[in-house]
Amino acid sequence: MNTIEILSRLEGVRFTTEQARVIGEIFEAHHTQMATRDDMKIIREELKNTATKDELKAMREDFKMMRKDFKYMVTKEELNAGIAKAKYDLVRWIVGAVIVNGLIATLLKFFG
């Protein structure tokens, strides 16, 4: 609606020309400051992007924490390798102890 239409409608309901002109000027001044549909669409998109950026930032922080946690975690293969090495060391010590025990028994039998 333009200013001329506003003036004619206000004069049609018994406003004076001066009153209609002032109201038209006020309306026109405020109308130029109002947001359009395109403005609102842009604002909505910016808000969506801002929310998305915040969500991405939070996810990045979560991933950083997870990387730190994974850094100190032992994989199943590493755990199995450690157990196998411990078994090998244990068997080696037991066999060594049995041999030493046999040698001591033999020495005691001959020299004891």
PDB file of N, CA and C in Angstrom:
ATOM      1  N   MET A   1       0.853  -1.164   0.000  1.00  0.00           N
ATOM      2  CA  MET A   1       0.000   0.000   0.000  1.00  0.00           C
ATOM      3  C   MET A   1       0.904   1.234   0.000  1.00  0.00           C
ATOM      4  N   ASN A   2       0.621   2.170  -0.916  1.00  0.00           N
ATOM      5  CA  ASN A   2       1.446   3.368  -0.971  1.00  0.00           C
ATOM      6  C   ASN A   2       0.798   4.524  -0.215  1.00  0.00           C
ATOM      7  N   THR A   3       1.501   5.641  -0.141  1.00  0.00           N
ATOM      8  CA  THR A   3       1.051   6.791   0.662  1.00  0.00           C
ATOM      9  C   THR A   3      -0.241   7.379   0.123  1.00  0.00           C
ATOM     10  N   ILE A   4      -0.393   7.442  -1.175  1.00  0.00           N
ATOM     11  CA  ILE A   4      -1.605   8.024  -1.773  1.00  0.00           C
ATOM     12  C   ILE A   4      -2.822   7.184  -1.412  1.00  0.00           C
ATOM     13  N   GLU A   5      -2.705   5.875  -1.459  1.00  0.00           N
ATOM     14  CA  GLU A   5      -3.819   4.997  -1.082  1.00  0.00           C
ATOM     15  C   GLU A   5      -4.183   5.191   0.380  1.00  0.00           C
ATOM     16  N   ILE A   6      -3.163   5.322   1.242  1.00  0.00           N
ATOM     17  CA  ILE A   6      -3.416   5.535   2.673  1.00  0.00           C
ATOM     18  C   ILE A   6      -4.163   6.848   2.876  1.00  0.00           C
ATOM     19  N   LEU A   7      -3.703   7.926   2.200  1.00  0.00           N
ATOM     20  CA  LEU A   7      -4.355   9.238   2.328  1.00  0.00           C
ATOM     21  C   LEU A   7      -5.808   9.177   1.881  1.00  0.00           C
ATOM     22  N   SER A   8      -6.065   8.564   0.749  1.00  0.00           N
ATOM     23  CA  SER A   8      -7.439   8.525   0.236  1.00  0.00           C
ATOM     24  C   SER A   8      -8.346   7.691   1.135  1.00  0.00           C
ATOM     25  N   ARG A   9      -7.832   6.602   1.695  1.00  0.00           N
ATOM     26  CA  ARG A   9      -8.656   5.779   2.590  1.00  0.00           C
ATOM     27  C   ARG A   9      -8.960   6.517   3.884  1.00  0.00           C
ATOM     28  N   LEU A  10      -7.964   7.221   4.436  1.00  0.00           N
ATOM     29  CA  LEU A  10      -8.195   7.970   5.675  1.00  0.00           C
ATOM     30  C   LEU A  10      -9.147   9.142   5.444  1.00  0.00           C
ATOM     31  N   GLU A  11      -9.006   9.823   4.313  1.00  0.00           N
ATOM     32  CA  GLU A  11      -9.935  10.914   4.003  1.00  0.00           C
ATOM     33  C   GLU A  11     -11.338  10.367   3.777  1.00  0.00           C
ATOM     34  N   GLY A  12     -11.418   9.125   3.292  1.00  0.00           N
ATOM     35  CA  GLY A  12     -12.715   8.494   3.061  1.00  0.00           C
ATOM     36  C   GLY A  12     -13.468   8.214   4.352  1.00  0.00           C
ATOM     37  N   VAL A  13     -12.776   8.134   5.490  1.00  0.00           N
ATOM     38  CA  VAL A  13     -13.442   7.906   6.781  1.00  0.00           C
ATOM     39  C   VAL A  13     -13.386   9.177   7.631  1.00  0.00           C
ATOM     40  N   ARG A  14     -13.366  10.347   6.952  1.00  0.00           N
ATOM     41  CA  ARG A  14     -13.505  11.671   7.557  1.00  0.00           C
ATOM     42  C   ARG A  14     -12.281  12.160   8.326  1.00  0.00           C
ATOM     43  N   PHE A  15     -11.106  11.698   7.957  1.00  0.00           N
ATOM     44  CA  PHE A  15      -9.892  12.317   8.481  1.00  0.00           C
ATOM     45  C   PHE A  15      -9.642  13.556   7.639  1.00  0.00           C
ATOM     46  N   THR A  16      -9.058  14.580   8.259  1.00  0.00           N
ATOM     47  CA  THR A  16      -8.693  15.756   7.466  1.00  0.00           C
ATOM     48  C   THR A  16      -7.479  15.387   6.625  1.00  0.00           C
ATOM     49  N   THR A  17      -7.224  16.196   5.624  1.00  0.00           N
ATOM     50  CA  THR A  17      -6.073  15.942   4.758  1.00  0.00           C
ATOM     51  C   THR A  17      -4.789  15.989   5.572  1.00  0.00           C
ATOM     52  N   GLU A  18      -4.709  16.936   6.499  1.00  0.00           N
ATOM     53  CA  GLU A  18      -3.512  17.062   7.341  1.00  0.00           C
ATOM     54  C   GLU A  18      -3.339  15.826   8.227  1.00  0.00           C
ATOM     55  N   GLN A  19      -4.421  15.352   8.848  1.00  0.00           N
ATOM     56  CA  GLN A  19      -4.342  14.158   9.689  1.00  0.00           C
ATOM     57  C   GLN A  19      -3.926  12.935   8.863  1.00  0.00           C
ATOM     58  N   ALA A  20      -4.523  12.781   7.717  1.00  0.00           N
ATOM     59  CA  ALA A  20      -4.217  11.646   6.851  1.00  0.00           C
ATOM     60  C   ALA A  20      -2.759  11.701   6.393  1.00  0.00           C
ATOM     61  N   ARG A  21      -2.261  12.922   6.075  1.00  0.00           N
ATOM     62  CA  ARG A  21      -0.878  13.074   5.633  1.00  0.00           C
ATOM     63  C   ARG A  21       0.084  12.687   6.749  1.00  0.00           C
ATOM     64  N   VAL A  22      -0.171  13.132   7.994  1.00  0.00           N
ATOM     65  CA  VAL A  22       0.707  12.814   9.124  1.00  0.00           C
ATOM     66  C   VAL A  22       0.699  11.307   9.394  1.00  0.00           C
ATOM     67  N   ILE A  23      -0.469  10.714   9.395  1.00  0.00           N
ATOM     68  CA  ILE A  23      -0.553   9.270   9.622  1.00  0.00           C
ATOM     69  C   ILE A  23       0.167   8.524   8.500  1.00  0.00           C
ATOM     70  N   GLY A  24       0.018   8.971   7.272  1.00  0.00           N
ATOM     71  CA  GLY A  24       0.716   8.356   6.142  1.00  0.00           C
ATOM     72  C   GLY A  24       2.225   8.455   6.284  1.00  0.00           C
ATOM     73  N   GLU A  25       2.712   9.618   6.737  1.00  0.00           N
ATOM     74  CA  GLU A  25       4.152   9.791   6.945  1.00  0.00           C
ATOM     75  C   GLU A  25       4.670   8.859   8.044  1.00  0.00           C
ATOM     76  N   ILE A  26       3.895   8.772   9.129  1.00  0.00           N
ATOM     77  CA  ILE A  26       4.291   7.880  10.231  1.00  0.00           C
ATOM     78  C   ILE A  26       4.332   6.434   9.747  1.00  0.00           C
ATOM     79  N   PHE A  27       3.286   6.052   9.026  1.00  0.00           N
ATOM     80  CA  PHE A  27       3.235   4.686   8.504  1.00  0.00           C
ATOM     81  C   PHE A  27       4.408   4.416   7.573  1.00  0.00           C
ATOM     82  N   GLU A  28       4.687   5.375   6.685  1.00  0.00           N
ATOM     83  CA  GLU A  28       5.786   5.209   5.722  1.00  0.00           C
ATOM     84  C   GLU A  28       7.131   5.101   6.433  1.00  0.00           C
ATOM     85  N   ALA A  29       7.355   5.910   7.480  1.00  0.00           N
ATOM     86  CA  ALA A  29       8.624   5.873   8.222  1.00  0.00           C
ATOM     87  C   ALA A  29       8.812   4.522   8.905  1.00  0.00           C
ATOM     88  N   HIS A  30       7.758   4.012   9.494  1.00  0.00           N
ATOM     89  CA  HIS A  30       7.865   2.721  10.182  1.00  0.00           C
ATOM     90  C   HIS A  30       7.893   1.552   9.204  1.00  0.00           C
ATOM     91  N   HIS A  31       7.222   1.740   8.079  1.00  0.00           N
ATOM     92  CA  HIS A  31       7.179   0.670   7.081  1.00  0.00           C
ATOM     93  C   HIS A  31       8.568   0.395   6.505  1.00  0.00           C
ATOM     94  N   THR A  32       9.366   1.430   6.321  1.00  0.00           N
ATOM     95  CA  THR A  32      10.707   1.229   5.764  1.00  0.00           C
ATOM     96  C   THR A  32      11.623   0.525   6.751  1.00  0.00           C
ATOM     97  N   GLN A  33      11.293   0.596   8.041  1.00  0.00           N
ATOM     98  CA  GLN A  33      12.125  -0.042   9.061  1.00  0.00           C
ATOM     99  C   GLN A  33      11.695  -1.474   9.360  1.00  0.00           C
ATOM    100  N   MET A  34      10.545  -1.871   8.842  1.00  0.00           N
ATOM    101  CA  MET A  34      10.052  -3.219   9.119  1.00  0.00           C
ATOM    102  C   MET A  34      10.818  -4.250   8.297  1.00  0.00           C
ATOM    103  N   ALA A  35      10.962  -5.430   8.878  1.00  0.00           N
ATOM    104  CA  ALA A  35      11.651  -6.518   8.183  1.00  0.00           C
ATOM    105  C   ALA A  35      10.727  -7.117   7.129  1.00  0.00           C
ATOM    106  N   THR A  36      11.290  -7.420   5.991  1.00  0.00           N
ATOM    107  CA  THR A  36      10.518  -8.060   4.927  1.00  0.00           C
ATOM    108  C   THR A  36      10.587  -9.577   5.095  1.00  0.00           C
ATOM    109  N   ARG A  37       9.826 -10.270   4.284  1.00  0.00           N
ATOM    110  CA  ARG A  37       9.869 -11.737   4.331  1.00  0.00           C
ATOM    111  C   ARG A  37      11.262 -12.244   3.982  1.00  0.00           C
ATOM    112  N   ASP A  38      11.888 -11.583   3.014  1.00  0.00           N
ATOM    113  CA  ASP A  38      13.255 -11.984   2.647  1.00  0.00           C
ATOM    114  C   ASP A  38      14.215 -11.764   3.812  1.00  0.00           C
ATOM    115  N   ASP A  39      14.031 -10.631   4.522  1.00  0.00           N
ATOM    116  CA  ASP A  39      14.875 -10.377   5.699  1.00  0.00           C
ATOM    117  C   ASP A  39      14.696 -11.480   6.735  1.00  0.00           C
ATOM    118  N   MET A  40      13.443 -11.856   6.979  1.00  0.00           N
ATOM    119  CA  MET A  40      13.162 -12.898   7.964  1.00  0.00           C
ATOM    120  C   MET A  40      13.739 -14.243   7.519  1.00  0.00           C
ATOM    121  N   LYS A  41      13.672 -14.522   6.222  1.00  0.00           N
ATOM    122  CA  LYS A  41      14.226 -15.769   5.696  1.00  0.00           C
ATOM    123  C   LYS A  41      15.737 -15.807   5.911  1.00  0.00           C
ATOM    124  N   ILE A  42      16.398 -14.691   5.646  1.00  0.00           N
ATOM    125  CA  ILE A  42      17.848 -14.610   5.847  1.00  0.00           C
ATOM    126  C   ILE A  42      18.191 -14.808   7.317  1.00  0.00           C
ATOM    127  N   ILE A  43      17.425 -14.175   8.194  1.00  0.00           N
ATOM    128  CA  ILE A  43      17.673 -14.300   9.638  1.00  0.00           C
ATOM    129  C   ILE A  43      17.487 -15.747  10.087  1.00  0.00           C
ATOM    130  N   ARG A  44      16.427 -16.397   9.587  1.00  0.00           N
ATOM    131  CA  ARG A  44      16.205 -17.803   9.952  1.00  0.00           C
ATOM    132  C   ARG A  44      17.375 -18.682   9.515  1.00  0.00           C
ATOM    133  N   GLU A  45      17.852 -18.470   8.301  1.00  0.00           N
ATOM    134  CA  GLU A  45      18.984 -19.255   7.799  1.00  0.00           C
ATOM    135  C   GLU A  45      20.232 -19.013   8.643  1.00  0.00           C
ATOM    136  N   GLU A  46      20.460 -17.750   9.008  1.00  0.00           N
ATOM    137  CA  GLU A  46      21.619 -17.439   9.847  1.00  0.00           C
ATOM    138  C   GLU A  46      21.508 -18.126  11.203  1.00  0.00           C
ATOM    139  N   LEU A  47      20.290 -18.140  11.760  1.00  0.00           N
ATOM    140  CA  LEU A  47      20.093 -18.812  13.045  1.00  0.00           C
ATOM    141  C   LEU A  47      20.318 -20.315  12.919  1.00  0.00           C
ATOM    142  N   LYS A  48      19.839 -20.898  11.829  1.00  0.00           N
ATOM    143  CA  LYS A  48      20.074 -22.328  11.613  1.00  0.00           C
ATOM    144  C   LYS A  48      21.567 -22.613  11.511  1.00  0.00           C
ATOM    145  N   ASN A  49      22.261 -21.779  10.745  1.00  0.00           N
ATOM    146  CA  ASN A  49      23.702 -21.968  10.582  1.00  0.00           C
ATOM    147  C   ASN A  49      24.432 -21.780  11.900  1.00  0.00           C
ATOM    148  N   THR A  50      23.984 -20.825  12.702  1.00  0.00           N
ATOM    149  CA  THR A  50      24.616 -20.602  14.000  1.00  0.00           C
ATOM    150  C   THR A  50      24.425 -21.814  14.890  1.00  0.00           C
ATOM    151  N   ALA A  51      23.210 -22.362  14.903  1.00  0.00           N
ATOM    152  CA  ALA A  51      22.958 -23.558  15.712  1.00  0.00           C
ATOM    153  C   ALA A  51      23.812 -24.713  15.211  1.00  0.00           C
ATOM    154  N   THR A  52      23.896 -24.831  13.900  1.00  0.00           N
ATOM    155  CA  THR A  52      24.697 -25.909  13.330  1.00  0.00           C
ATOM    156  C   THR A  52      26.164 -25.728  13.692  1.00  0.00           C
ATOM    157  N   LYS A  53      26.657 -24.496  13.638  1.00  0.00           N
ATOM    158  CA  LYS A  53      28.050 -24.229  13.994  1.00  0.00           C
ATOM    159  C   LYS A  53      28.306 -24.580  15.454  1.00  0.00           C
ATOM    160  N   ASP A  54      27.361 -24.220  16.324  1.00  0.00           N
ATOM    161  CA  ASP A  54      27.521 -24.556  17.743  1.00  0.00           C
ATOM    162  C   ASP A  54      27.523 -26.069  17.947  1.00  0.00           C
ATOM    163  N   GLU A  55      26.635 -26.762  17.229  1.00  0.00           N
ATOM    164  CA  GLU A  55      26.593 -28.218  17.343  1.00  0.00           C
ATOM    165  C   GLU A  55      27.897 -28.838  16.844  1.00  0.00           C
ATOM    166  N   LEU A  56      28.414 -28.318  15.734  1.00  0.00           N
ATOM    167  CA  LEU A  56      29.678 -28.832  15.203  1.00  0.00           C
ATOM    168  C   LEU A  56      30.825 -28.580  16.171  1.00  0.00           C
ATOM    169  N   LYS A  57      30.812 -27.422  16.802  1.00  0.00           N
ATOM    170  CA  LYS A  57      31.862 -27.107  17.774  1.00  0.00           C
ATOM    171  C   LYS A  57      31.803 -28.087  18.942  1.00  0.00           C
ATOM    172  N   ALA A  58      30.599 -28.372  19.420  1.00  0.00           N
ATOM    173  CA  ALA A  58      30.443 -29.329  20.519  1.00  0.00           C
ATOM    174  C   ALA A  58      30.900 -30.723  20.088  1.00  0.00           C
ATOM    175  N   MET A  59      30.573 -31.108  18.852  1.00  0.00           N
ATOM    176  CA  MET A  59      30.987 -32.424  18.363  1.00  0.00           C
ATOM    177  C   MET A  59      32.508 -32.507  18.241  1.00  0.00           C
ATOM    178  N   ARG A  60      33.127 -31.419  17.788  1.00  0.00           N
ATOM    179  CA  ARG A  60      34.591 -31.415  17.692  1.00  0.00           C
ATOM    180  C   ARG A  60      35.222 -31.599  19.066  1.00  0.00           C
ATOM    181  N   GLU A  61      34.667 -30.937  20.069  1.00  0.00           N
ATOM    182  CA  GLU A  61      35.179 -31.094  21.433  1.00  0.00           C
ATOM    183  C   GLU A  61      35.018 -32.540  21.902  1.00  0.00           C
ATOM    184  N   ASP A  62      33.865 -33.140  21.582  1.00  0.00           N
ATOM    185  CA  ASP A  62      33.640 -34.543  21.951  1.00  0.00           C
ATOM    186  C   ASP A  62      34.664 -35.455  21.279  1.00  0.00           C
ATOM    187  N   PHE A  63      34.929 -35.202  20.001  1.00  0.00           N
ATOM    188  CA  PHE A  63      35.908 -36.021  19.282  1.00  0.00           C
ATOM    189  C   PHE A  63      37.307 -35.857  19.861  1.00  0.00           C
ATOM    190  N   LYS A  64      37.652 -34.653  20.270  1.00  0.00           N
ATOM    191  CA  LYS A  64      38.966 -34.444  20.893  1.00  0.00           C
ATOM    192  C   LYS A  64      39.079 -35.271  22.164  1.00  0.00           C
ATOM    193  N   MET A  65      38.028 -35.259  22.969  1.00  0.00           N
ATOM    194  CA  MET A  65      38.038 -36.040  24.208  1.00  0.00           C
ATOM    195  C   MET A  65      38.129 -37.535  23.895  1.00  0.00           C
ATOM    196  N   MET A  66      37.399 -37.984  22.879  1.00  0.00           N
ATOM    197  CA  MET A  66      37.428 -39.400  22.517  1.00  0.00           C
ATOM    198  C   MET A  66      38.814 -39.803  22.028  1.00  0.00           C
ATOM    199  N   ARG A  67      39.460 -38.928  21.250  1.00  0.00           N
ATOM    200  CA  ARG A  67      40.815 -39.234  20.784  1.00  0.00           C
ATOM    201  C   ARG A  67      41.765 -39.398  21.955  1.00  0.00           C
ATOM    202  N   LYS A  68      41.624 -38.531  22.955  1.00  0.00           N
ATOM    203  CA  LYS A  68      42.476 -38.645  24.142  1.00  0.00           C
ATOM    204  C   LYS A  68      42.216 -39.972  24.851  1.00  0.00           C
ATOM    205  N   ASP A  69      40.947 -40.355  24.951  1.00  0.00           N
ATOM    206  CA  ASP A  69      40.603 -41.622  25.599  1.00  0.00           C
ATOM    207  C   ASP A  69      41.169 -42.808  24.823  1.00  0.00           C
ATOM    208  N   PHE A  70      41.032 -42.787  23.498  1.00  0.00           N
ATOM    209  CA  PHE A  70      41.519 -43.893  22.670  1.00  0.00           C
ATOM    210  C   PHE A  70      43.034 -43.993  22.692  1.00  0.00           C
ATOM    211  N   LYS A  71      43.690 -42.878  22.897  1.00  0.00           N
ATOM    212  CA  LYS A  71      45.148 -42.875  22.904  1.00  0.00           C
ATOM    213  C   LYS A  71      45.684 -43.805  23.987  1.00  0.00           C
ATOM    214  N   TYR A  72      45.003 -43.870  25.113  1.00  0.00           N
ATOM    215  CA  TYR A  72      45.474 -44.676  26.238  1.00  0.00           C
ATOM    216  C   TYR A  72      44.803 -46.035  26.331  1.00  0.00           C
ATOM    217  N   MET A  73      43.899 -46.334  25.409  1.00  0.00           N
ATOM    218  CA  MET A  73      43.239 -47.639  25.431  1.00  0.00           C
ATOM    219  C   MET A  73      44.124 -48.684  24.769  1.00  0.00           C
ATOM    220  N   VAL A  74      44.056 -49.906  25.271  1.00  0.00           N
ATOM    221  CA  VAL A  74      44.829 -51.017  24.726  1.00  0.00           C
ATOM    222  C   VAL A  74      43.915 -51.815  23.814  1.00  0.00           C
ATOM    223  N   THR A  75      44.413 -52.137  22.630  1.00  0.00           N
ATOM    224  CA  THR A  75      43.594 -52.930  21.717  1.00  0.00           C
ATOM    225  C   THR A  75      43.631 -54.397  22.136  1.00  0.00           C
ATOM    226  N   LYS A  76      42.713 -55.162  21.609  1.00  0.00           N
ATOM    227  CA  LYS A  76      42.624 -56.587  21.925  1.00  0.00           C
ATOM    228  C   LYS A  76      43.897 -57.315  21.496  1.00  0.00           C
ATOM    229  N   GLU A  77      44.426 -56.940  20.336  1.00  0.00           N
ATOM    230  CA  GLU A  77      45.645 -57.583  19.842  1.00  0.00           C
ATOM    231  C   GLU A  77      46.832 -57.286  20.762  1.00  0.00           C
ATOM    232  N   GLU A  78      46.932 -56.042  21.222  1.00  0.00           N
ATOM    233  CA  GLU A  78      48.023 -55.688  22.136  1.00  0.00           C
ATOM    234  C   GLU A  78      47.896 -56.457  23.448  1.00  0.00           C
ATOM    235  N   LEU A  79      46.666 -56.599  23.919  1.00  0.00           N
ATOM    236  CA  LEU A  79      46.426 -57.333  25.156  1.00  0.00           C
ATOM    237  C   LEU A  79      46.789 -58.808  24.987  1.00  0.00           C
ATOM    238  N   ASN A  80      46.376 -59.417  23.878  1.00  0.00           N
ATOM    239  CA  ASN A  80      46.711 -60.824  23.614  1.00  0.00           C
ATOM    240  C   ASN A  80      48.217 -61.017  23.485  1.00  0.00           C
ATOM    241  N   ALA A  81      48.899 -60.072  22.844  1.00  0.00           N
ATOM    242  CA  ALA A  81      50.357 -60.166  22.704  1.00  0.00           C
ATOM    243  C   ALA A  81      51.023 -60.090  24.075  1.00  0.00           C
ATOM    244  N   GLY A  82      50.535 -59.223  24.944  1.00  0.00           N
ATOM    245  CA  GLY A  82      51.084 -59.126  26.299  1.00  0.00           C
ATOM    246  C   GLY A  82      50.876 -60.401  27.094  1.00  0.00           C
ATOM    247  N   ILE A  83      49.700 -61.006  26.965  1.00  0.00           N
ATOM    248  CA  ILE A  83      49.412 -62.259  27.673  1.00  0.00           C
ATOM    249  C   ILE A  83      50.308 -63.380  27.154  1.00  0.00           C
ATOM    250  N   ALA A  84      50.485 -63.454  25.831  1.00  0.00           N
ATOM    251  CA  ALA A  84      51.334 -64.500  25.248  1.00  0.00           C
ATOM    252  C   ALA A  84      52.771 -64.358  25.732  1.00  0.00           C
ATOM    253  N   LYS A  85      53.277 -63.131  25.803  1.00  0.00           N
ATOM    254  CA  LYS A  85      54.642 -62.915  26.283  1.00  0.00           C
ATOM    255  C   LYS A  85      54.760 -63.317  27.750  1.00  0.00           C
ATOM    256  N   ALA A  86      53.749 -62.980  28.550  1.00  0.00           N
ATOM    257  CA  ALA A  86      53.777 -63.347  29.967  1.00  0.00           C
ATOM    258  C   ALA A  86      53.760 -64.869  30.127  1.00  0.00           C
ATOM    259  N   LYS A  87      52.954 -65.565  29.309  1.00  0.00           N
ATOM    260  CA  LYS A  87      52.925 -67.034  29.363  1.00  0.00           C
ATOM    261  C   LYS A  87      54.297 -67.607  29.014  1.00  0.00           C
ATOM    262  N   TYR A  88      54.909 -67.094  27.967  1.00  0.00           N
ATOM    263  CA  TYR A  88      56.227 -67.565  27.540  1.00  0.00           C
ATOM    264  C   TYR A  88      57.250 -67.355  28.655  1.00  0.00           C
ATOM    265  N   ASP A  89      57.245 -66.174  29.270  1.00  0.00           N
ATOM    266  CA  ASP A  89      58.184 -65.901  30.365  1.00  0.00           C
ATOM    267  C   ASP A  89      57.940 -66.830  31.547  1.00  0.00           C
ATOM    268  N   LEU A  90      56.676 -67.089  31.873  1.00  0.00           N
ATOM    269  CA  LEU A  90      56.335 -67.963  32.993  1.00  0.00           C
ATOM    270  C   LEU A  90      56.814 -69.391  32.729  1.00  0.00           C
ATOM    271  N   VAL A  91      56.565 -69.911  31.530  1.00  0.00           N
ATOM    272  CA  VAL A  91      57.015 -71.266  31.178  1.00  0.00           C
ATOM    273  C   VAL A  91      58.532 -71.339  31.238  1.00  0.00           C
ATOM    274  N   ARG A  92      59.206 -70.326  30.734  1.00  0.00           N
ATOM    275  CA  ARG A  92      60.669 -70.301  30.760  1.00  0.00           C
ATOM    276  C   ARG A  92      61.205 -70.354  32.195  1.00  0.00           C
ATOM    277  N   TRP A  93      60.610 -69.598  33.095  1.00  0.00           N
ATOM    278  CA  TRP A  93      61.039 -69.605  34.499  1.00  0.00           C
ATOM    279  C   TRP A  93      60.758 -70.956  35.162  1.00  0.00           C
ATOM    280  N   ILE A  94      59.592 -71.533  34.858  1.00  0.00           N
ATOM    281  CA  ILE A  94      59.256 -72.840  35.452  1.00  0.00           C
ATOM    282  C   ILE A  94      60.225 -73.908  34.963  1.00  0.00           C
ATOM    283  N   VAL A  95      60.499 -73.952  33.658  1.00  0.00           N
ATOM    284  CA  VAL A  95      61.444 -74.929  33.108  1.00  0.00           C
ATOM    285  C   VAL A  95      62.822 -74.705  33.714  1.00  0.00           C
ATOM    286  N   GLY A  96      63.237 -73.463  33.825  1.00  0.00           N
ATOM    287  CA  GLY A  96      64.529 -73.150  34.442  1.00  0.00           C
ATOM    288  C   GLY A  96      64.584 -73.605  35.886  1.00  0.00           C
ATOM    289  N   ALA A  97      63.498 -73.397  36.634  1.00  0.00           N
ATOM    290  CA  ALA A  97      63.453 -73.810  38.040  1.00  0.00           C
ATOM    291  C   ALA A  97      63.509 -75.330  38.164  1.00  0.00           C
ATOM    292  N   VAL A  98      62.810 -76.043  37.271  1.00  0.00           N
ATOM    293  CA  VAL A  98      62.834 -77.508  37.297  1.00  0.00           C
ATOM    294  C   VAL A  98      64.239 -78.015  36.998  1.00  0.00           C
ATOM    295  N   ILE A  99      64.912 -77.434  36.017  1.00  0.00           N
ATOM    296  CA  ILE A  99      66.281 -77.852  35.676  1.00  0.00           C
ATOM    297  C   ILE A  99      67.228 -77.581  36.840  1.00  0.00           C
ATOM    298  N   VAL A 100      67.139 -76.396  37.428  1.00  0.00           N
ATOM    299  CA  VAL A 100      68.005 -76.067  38.575  1.00  0.00           C
ATOM    300  C   VAL A 100      67.716 -77.004  39.734  1.00  0.00           C
ATOM    301  N   ASN A 101      66.459 -77.304  39.991  1.00  0.00           N
ATOM    302  CA  ASN A 101      66.074 -78.216  41.063  1.00  0.00           C
ATOM    303  C   ASN A 101      66.653 -79.615  40.808  1.00  0.00           C
ATOM    304  N   GLY A 102      66.591 -80.058  39.548  1.00  0.00           N
ATOM    305  CA  GLY A 102      67.160 -81.357  39.190  1.00  0.00           C
ATOM    306  C   GLY A 102      68.668 -81.375  39.374  1.00  0.00           C
ATOM    307  N   LEU A 103      69.351 -80.291  38.993  1.00  0.00           N
ATOM    308  CA  LEU A 103      70.799 -80.203  39.172  1.00  0.00           C
ATOM    309  C   LEU A 103      71.179 -80.220  40.651  1.00  0.00           C
ATOM    310  N   ILE A 104      70.438 -79.488  41.450  1.00  0.00           N
ATOM    311  CA  ILE A 104      70.725 -79.471  42.895  1.00  0.00           C
ATOM    312  C   ILE A 104      70.522 -80.864  43.490  1.00  0.00           C
ATOM    313  N   ALA A 105      69.442 -81.542  43.092  1.00  0.00           N
ATOM    314  CA  ALA A 105      69.184 -82.898  43.599  1.00  0.00           C
ATOM    315  C   ALA A 105      70.294 -83.853  43.173  1.00  0.00           C
ATOM    316  N   THR A 106      70.749 -83.724  41.934  1.00  0.00           N
ATOM    317  CA  THR A 106      71.834 -84.582  41.442  1.00  0.00           C
ATOM    318  C   THR A 106      73.130 -84.294  42.184  1.00  0.00           C
ATOM    319  N   LEU A 107      73.462 -83.040  42.376  1.00  0.00           N
ATOM    320  CA  LEU A 107      74.683 -82.669  43.100  1.00  0.00           C
ATOM    321  C   LEU A 107      74.635 -83.163  44.546  1.00  0.00           C
ATOM    322  N   LEU A 108      73.508 -83.070  45.181  1.00  0.00           N
ATOM    323  CA  LEU A 108      73.373 -83.546  46.557  1.00  0.00           C
ATOM    324  C   LEU A 108      73.509 -85.070  46.620  1.00  0.00           C
ATOM    325  N   LYS A 109      73.039 -85.742  45.591  1.00  0.00           N
ATOM    326  CA  LYS A 109      73.119 -87.194  45.558  1.00  0.00           C
ATOM    327  C   LYS A 109      74.580 -87.631  45.419  1.00  0.00           C
ATOM    328  N   PHE A 110      75.354 -86.944  44.553  1.00  0.00           N
ATOM    329  CA  PHE A 110      76.749 -87.324  44.358  1.00  0.00           C
ATOM    330  C   PHE A 110      77.658 -86.790  45.454  1.00  0.00           C
ATOM    331  N   PHE A 111      77.427 -85.587  45.945  1.00  0.00           N
ATOM    332  CA  PHE A 111      78.336 -84.977  46.918  1.00  0.00           C
ATOM    333  C   PHE A 111      77.741 -84.913  48.312  1.00  0.00           C
ATOM    334  N   GLY A 112      76.605 -85.329  48.496  1.00  0.00           N
ATOM    335  CA  GLY A 112      75.973 -85.121  49.768  1.00  0.00           C
ATOM    336  C   GLY A 112      75.883 -86.236  50.673  1.00  0.00           C
TER     337      GLY A 112
END
